[in-house]
Amino acid sequence: MIYDKIKELCRERGTSVAAVEKEANLSNGIIRKWNKSSPTVDKLQAVARVLKVRMEELIP
């Protein structure tokens, strides 16, 4: 799941999912919802930028 991958990357970088959401200008709790729905490309790109990874690395 995308959420699990993002959570893992956050843990590796010493940050939280909430902090990534805030820095990416996403609404609070939206990344967790990606377990049940797919994010838009622009939101996924924003998270990838914050985590400094390629967008493809977020997709399991």
C-alpha atoms as a PDB file:
ATOM      1  CA  MET A   1       0.000   0.000   0.000  1.00  0.00           C
ATOM      2  CA  ILE A   2       1.128   3.533  -0.723  1.00  0.00           C
ATOM      3  CA  TYR A   3       0.491   4.639   2.858  1.00  0.00           C
ATOM      4  CA  ASP A   4       2.727   1.903   4.256  1.00  0.00           C
ATOM      5  CA  LYS A   5       5.567   2.863   1.909  1.00  0.00           C
ATOM      6  CA  ILE A   6       5.265   6.539   2.849  1.00  0.00           C
ATOM      7  CA  LYS A   7       5.145   5.647   6.542  1.00  0.00           C
ATOM      8  CA  GLU A   8       8.303   3.549   6.142  1.00  0.00           C
ATOM      9  CA  LEU A   9      10.114   6.388   4.345  1.00  0.00           C
ATOM     10  CA  CYS A  10       9.045   8.822   7.064  1.00  0.00           C
ATOM     11  CA  ARG A  11      10.424   6.527   9.751  1.00  0.00           C
ATOM     12  CA  GLU A  12      13.743   6.233   7.863  1.00  0.00           C
ATOM     13  CA  ARG A  13      13.964  10.019   7.638  1.00  0.00           C
ATOM     14  CA  GLY A  14      12.949  10.698  11.230  1.00  0.00           C
ATOM     15  CA  THR A  15       9.756  12.521  10.348  1.00  0.00           C
ATOM     16  CA  SER A  16       6.047  11.846  10.601  1.00  0.00           C
ATOM     17  CA  VAL A  17       3.334  11.375   8.024  1.00  0.00           C
ATOM     18  CA  ALA A  18       1.577  14.438   9.467  1.00  0.00           C
ATOM     19  CA  ALA A  19       4.716  16.547   8.970  1.00  0.00           C
ATOM     20  CA  VAL A  20       4.957  15.388   5.340  1.00  0.00           C
ATOM     21  CA  GLU A  21       1.295  16.252   4.776  1.00  0.00           C
ATOM     22  CA  LYS A  22       1.857  19.721   6.185  1.00  0.00           C
ATOM     23  CA  GLU A  23       5.016  20.381   4.156  1.00  0.00           C
ATOM     24  CA  ALA A  24       3.325  19.091   0.986  1.00  0.00           C
ATOM     25  CA  ASN A  25       0.302  21.356   1.637  1.00  0.00           C
ATOM     26  CA  LEU A  26      -2.061  18.396   1.928  1.00  0.00           C
ATOM     27  CA  SER A  27      -4.999  18.123   4.269  1.00  0.00           C
ATOM     28  CA  ASN A  28      -4.455  16.416   7.594  1.00  0.00           C
ATOM     29  CA  GLY A  29      -4.987  12.637   7.397  1.00  0.00           C
ATOM     30  CA  ILE A  30      -5.170  12.383   3.610  1.00  0.00           C
ATOM     31  CA  ILE A  31      -2.181  10.065   3.219  1.00  0.00           C
ATOM     32  CA  ARG A  32      -3.765   7.479   5.519  1.00  0.00           C
ATOM     33  CA  LYS A  33      -6.853   7.511   3.288  1.00  0.00           C
ATOM     34  CA  TRP A  34      -4.677   6.370   0.387  1.00  0.00           C
ATOM     35  CA  ASN A  35      -4.968   2.825   1.780  1.00  0.00           C
ATOM     36  CA  LYS A  36      -8.526   2.792   0.445  1.00  0.00           C
ATOM     37  CA  SER A  37      -8.331   5.234  -2.443  1.00  0.00           C
ATOM     38  CA  SER A  38      -5.723   6.313  -4.949  1.00  0.00           C
ATOM     39  CA  PRO A  39      -4.048   9.703  -4.677  1.00  0.00           C
ATOM     40  CA  THR A  40      -3.924  12.139  -7.552  1.00  0.00           C
ATOM     41  CA  VAL A  41      -0.625  12.430  -9.386  1.00  0.00           C
ATOM     42  CA  ASP A  42      -0.025  15.986  -8.172  1.00  0.00           C
ATOM     43  CA  LYS A  43      -0.495  14.979  -4.516  1.00  0.00           C
ATOM     44  CA  LEU A  44       1.787  11.988  -4.920  1.00  0.00           C
ATOM     45  CA  GLN A  45       4.406  14.204  -6.584  1.00  0.00           C
ATOM     46  CA  ALA A  46       4.194  16.658  -3.685  1.00  0.00           C
ATOM     47  CA  VAL A  47       4.865  13.867  -1.184  1.00  0.00           C
ATOM     48  CA  ALA A  48       7.739  12.540  -3.302  1.00  0.00           C
ATOM     49  CA  ARG A  49       9.299  16.023  -3.366  1.00  0.00           C
ATOM     50  CA  VAL A  50       9.075  16.329   0.414  1.00  0.00           C
ATOM     51  CA  LEU A  51      10.578  12.866   0.931  1.00  0.00           C
ATOM     52  CA  LYS A  52      13.186  13.461  -1.819  1.00  0.00           C
ATOM     53  CA  VAL A  53      12.335  10.304  -3.749  1.00  0.00           C
ATOM     54  CA  ARG A  54      11.021   9.561  -7.218  1.00  0.00           C
ATOM     55  CA  MET A  55       7.259   9.265  -7.359  1.00  0.00           C
ATOM     56  CA  GLU A  56       7.601   5.660  -8.598  1.00  0.00           C
ATOM     57  CA  GLU A  57       9.270   4.718  -5.307  1.00  0.00           C
ATOM     58  CA  LEU A  58       6.037   5.472  -3.468  1.00  0.00           C
ATOM     59  CA  ILE A  59       4.021   3.018  -5.534  1.00  0.00           C
ATOM     60  CA  PRO A  60       4.310  -0.589  -4.319  1.00  0.00           C
END
